[in-house]
Every structure is written in structure tokens, then in C-alpha cells.
Amino acid sequence: MSDFYELIKKRYSVRGYLNKQVEEEKLVKVLDAGRNAPSACNIQPWSFIVIRDEQVRNQLGKVYSKEWILSAPLVIAVCCDRNKSWKRSDGKDYGDVDAAIAMDHITLAAAELGLGTCWVGAFDPGEASKLFQLPDHIEPVLLTPLGYPAVPSSQKSRKALEEVVHWDYYGGQK
């Protein structure tokens, strides 16, 4: 199996972090991985906000109620510019998809560097917009803490391939 597939299996959701700062060069690599993600029509409607100031991080409780996020030395907010994101002919805005792809690149790069992350979508976007001082057309889509995991990975559970793959139509068998 290639290193990439091992990396995919290595990444897991971390909800506890060591009291250790992330080196600047690792942070830049993680952010650059997000920047290099593909996007619809190559519009790249994302922006990344790195929250590392302790006073700002402590205010994250207004945005997300789980205290474990504060154990990380920093949090990255992936935002979308709704004025620029590509819209399909039926009006579906692909900004969320683009933000998710960028987040996936961020989380995989972090795992490669020995860092932990956790996708957070269950936060208050209005409070996040205020805290991050976002203009109206910039929407916070996802958050992830970033840091060194306090506890090593446990075995993650995934459905069998046969449970999630359909052939030719929903319910179609191979």
C-alpha cells in the first residue's frame, strides 16, 4: 500500500492536545496544503484565519461550546467568499464543497507532520463572523484545532466498502 493510503488511515479526529506550540514551518505547510486544494472553476473562494492569540482563542467558547477545542494551541477557520464561489445552474453554491476540499488537504497535511486536527462544523457562524471580524460576504464554514495530539490514535471504525458503494444505480450490485 502506498504512503498516501497509510496517511488516510493515520488521520483521525483529535479532541485533546499537548501544551506545545506548532512550529511555524509546519503551520505554513499545513496552510499551503489548503491553498493548493482544487476548487470549482479554480476560483479558490477560501480564506484561512489562524486563531492563535490566547484572548481570541478564549472567546471561541461563544462560537463552539466544547471546551476541548481550547486545548489546542491554535485553531484554523476555513471561510468562503460567497461573492466569488461558483454556483451551479440550479443555484447550488459550491463554496462549501471547495472549503471542505481545502479542509481535507489541511487535515491530511497535518497528519503527515504529526499534528492533530478535528473537523468542527457545529459552531455558531454568526458569533464566529463577529469574533473573526468577517465582512458580510465571507462566511465561516469549518473550524479545526491544530496541535500535537495528547492521546495517540485509537482504531477508527469504518463501514465496509460494500455498504457504501453502489453500481450503476442506488442499490445496484457489482
Protein backbone atom coordinates (compact mmCIF):
# COMPACT_ATOMS: atom_id res chain seq x y z
CA MET A 1 0.00 0.00 0.00
CA SER A 2 1.33 3.45 -0.85
CA ASP A 3 2.24 6.08 1.72
CA PHE A 4 -0.85 8.08 0.72
CA TYR A 5 -3.23 5.31 1.76
CA GLU A 6 -1.36 4.90 5.03
CA LEU A 7 -1.75 8.66 5.61
CA ILE A 8 -5.50 8.43 5.01
CA LYS A 9 -5.75 5.68 7.60
CA LYS A 10 -3.50 7.59 10.04
CA ARG A 11 -5.66 10.73 10.16
CA TYR A 12 -8.23 10.80 12.95
CA SER A 13 -10.25 13.36 14.93
CA VAL A 14 -8.21 14.67 17.85
CA ARG A 15 -10.07 16.14 20.82
CA GLY A 16 -7.19 16.72 23.21
CA TYR A 17 -3.85 18.44 22.60
CA LEU A 18 -0.48 18.74 24.29
CA ASN A 19 0.57 22.11 25.66
CA LYS A 20 3.10 22.52 22.86
CA GLN A 21 3.24 25.17 20.16
CA VAL A 22 3.10 24.23 16.48
CA GLU A 23 6.30 25.18 14.71
CA GLU A 24 5.85 28.00 12.19
CA GLU A 25 7.23 25.92 9.30
CA LYS A 26 4.71 23.14 9.99
CA LEU A 27 1.86 25.64 10.22
CA VAL A 28 2.87 27.17 6.88
CA LYS A 29 2.99 23.71 5.24
CA VAL A 30 -0.50 22.91 6.54
CA LEU A 31 -1.90 26.22 5.29
CA ASP A 32 -0.14 25.80 1.95
CA ALA A 33 -1.76 22.38 1.56
CA GLY A 34 -5.17 24.05 1.94
CA ARG A 35 -4.20 26.75 -0.53
CA ASN A 36 -3.26 24.09 -3.09
CA ALA A 37 -6.63 22.32 -2.93
CA PRO A 38 -8.72 22.20 -6.11
CA SER A 39 -11.88 24.28 -6.34
CA ALA A 40 -14.82 24.65 -8.73
CA CYS A 41 -13.62 26.55 -11.81
CA ASN A 42 -10.35 27.18 -9.93
CA ILE A 43 -11.98 30.18 -8.22
CA GLN A 44 -10.34 29.37 -4.85
CA PRO A 45 -13.01 31.22 -2.80
CA TRP A 46 -11.49 30.32 0.55
CA SER A 47 -9.55 32.18 3.15
CA PHE A 48 -7.98 30.78 6.30
CA ILE A 49 -7.96 32.54 9.63
CA VAL A 50 -5.37 31.30 12.12
CA ILE A 51 -6.53 31.92 15.67
CA ARG A 52 -3.54 31.72 17.98
CA ASP A 53 -3.86 34.78 20.20
CA GLU A 54 -4.91 33.45 23.61
CA GLN A 55 -7.51 36.19 24.19
CA VAL A 56 -9.20 35.48 20.84
CA ARG A 57 -8.99 31.70 21.35
CA ASN A 58 -10.61 32.04 24.78
CA GLN A 59 -13.57 33.75 23.10
CA LEU A 60 -14.14 30.65 20.96
CA GLY A 61 -16.48 29.46 23.71
CA LYS A 62 -19.07 31.86 22.27
CA VAL A 63 -18.66 30.14 18.90
CA TYR A 64 -18.29 26.49 19.92
CA SER A 65 -19.38 25.11 23.29
CA LYS A 66 -16.97 22.17 23.66
CA GLU A 67 -14.01 23.19 25.84
CA TRP A 68 -11.61 20.61 24.38
CA ILE A 69 -11.04 22.92 21.38
CA LEU A 70 -9.23 25.33 23.71
CA SER A 71 -6.58 22.70 24.50
CA ALA A 72 -5.11 23.21 21.02
CA PRO A 73 -2.51 25.96 20.63
CA LEU A 74 -4.32 27.29 17.59
CA VAL A 75 -7.49 26.95 15.55
CA ILE A 76 -7.90 27.40 11.81
CA ALA A 77 -11.16 28.77 10.42
CA VAL A 78 -11.84 27.94 6.77
CA CYS A 79 -14.02 30.65 5.28
CA CYS A 80 -15.72 31.11 1.92
CA ASP A 81 -16.21 34.24 -0.14
CA ARG A 82 -19.85 33.88 -1.23
CA ASN A 83 -19.42 36.67 -3.80
CA LYS A 84 -16.84 34.58 -5.65
CA SER A 85 -17.80 30.94 -5.10
CA TRP A 86 -19.06 29.06 -8.14
CA LYS A 87 -22.82 28.47 -8.39
CA ARG A 88 -24.34 25.62 -10.40
CA SER A 89 -27.17 26.38 -12.85
CA ASP A 90 -29.76 25.39 -10.21
CA GLY A 91 -28.21 27.88 -7.75
CA LYS A 92 -26.29 25.40 -5.59
CA ASP A 93 -23.30 27.22 -4.13
CA TYR A 94 -20.14 25.11 -4.30
CA GLY A 95 -18.28 27.24 -1.76
CA ASP A 96 -18.95 24.67 0.96
CA VAL A 97 -17.55 21.91 -1.24
CA ASP A 98 -14.46 23.97 -2.00
CA ALA A 99 -13.98 24.74 1.71
CA ALA A 100 -14.34 21.04 2.54
CA ILE A 101 -11.70 20.05 -0.01
CA ALA A 102 -9.32 22.68 1.40
CA MET A 103 -10.03 21.41 4.93
CA ASP A 104 -9.31 17.86 3.87
CA HIS A 105 -5.95 18.94 2.45
CA ILE A 106 -5.23 20.77 5.73
CA THR A 107 -6.08 17.75 7.88
CA LEU A 108 -4.05 15.31 5.76
CA ALA A 109 -1.03 17.62 5.72
CA ALA A 110 -1.29 17.99 9.49
CA ALA A 111 -1.41 14.21 9.97
CA GLU A 112 1.65 13.82 7.73
CA LEU A 113 3.51 16.26 10.01
CA GLY A 114 2.48 14.50 13.24
CA LEU A 115 -0.19 17.09 14.10
CA GLY A 116 -3.80 16.51 15.06
CA THR A 117 -6.99 18.12 13.79
CA CYS A 118 -10.74 17.70 14.10
CA TRP A 119 -13.37 18.94 11.66
CA VAL A 120 -15.81 21.22 13.51
CA GLY A 121 -18.97 22.29 11.74
CA ALA A 122 -21.34 22.52 14.72
CA PHE A 123 -20.49 26.09 15.67
CA ASP A 124 -22.37 29.39 15.64
CA PRO A 125 -21.44 31.07 12.33
CA GLY A 126 -22.88 34.43 13.40
CA GLU A 127 -20.72 34.54 16.53
CA ALA A 128 -17.72 33.32 14.53
CA SER A 129 -18.25 36.09 11.97
CA LYS A 130 -18.25 38.67 14.77
CA LEU A 131 -15.22 37.21 16.52
CA PHE A 132 -13.18 36.98 13.31
CA GLN A 133 -14.47 40.39 12.12
CA LEU A 134 -15.62 38.96 8.79
CA PRO A 135 -17.27 41.11 6.12
CA ASP A 136 -20.82 40.04 5.19
CA HIS A 137 -19.82 38.13 2.05
CA ILE A 138 -17.22 35.98 3.88
CA GLU A 139 -18.76 33.01 5.69
CA PRO A 140 -17.01 30.76 8.22
CA VAL A 141 -17.62 27.20 7.02
CA LEU A 142 -15.37 24.97 9.12
CA LEU A 143 -13.05 25.11 12.11
CA THR A 144 -10.23 22.83 13.11
CA PRO A 145 -7.97 22.93 16.13
CA LEU A 146 -4.35 22.20 15.24
CA GLY A 147 -1.71 20.84 17.57
CA TYR A 148 0.08 17.79 18.88
CA PRO A 149 -2.33 15.04 19.98
CA ALA A 150 -2.41 14.37 23.72
CA VAL A 151 -3.53 10.77 23.17
CA PRO A 152 -2.39 8.50 20.33
CA SER A 153 -4.88 7.31 17.75
CA SER A 154 -7.24 4.53 18.59
CA GLN A 155 -8.53 2.21 15.89
CA LYS A 156 -11.15 4.06 13.86
CA SER A 157 -14.25 2.30 12.64
CA ARG A 158 -15.39 2.47 9.02
CA LYS A 159 -18.22 0.79 7.16
CA ALA A 160 -17.36 -1.98 4.73
CA LEU A 161 -16.88 -0.89 1.11
CA GLU A 162 -19.92 -2.97 0.12
CA GLU A 163 -22.09 -0.86 2.43
CA VAL A 164 -21.24 2.44 0.75
CA VAL A 165 -20.63 1.61 -2.92
CA HIS A 166 -23.49 1.14 -5.40
CA TRP A 167 -23.01 0.09 -9.02
CA ASP A 168 -24.83 1.88 -11.85
CA TYR A 169 -27.73 2.99 -9.60
CA TYR A 170 -28.52 3.23 -5.87
CA GLY A 171 -28.76 -0.31 -4.60
CA GLY A 172 -27.01 -1.72 -7.66
CA GLN A 173 -24.76 -4.70 -7.05
CA LYS A 174 -21.37 -5.42 -8.58
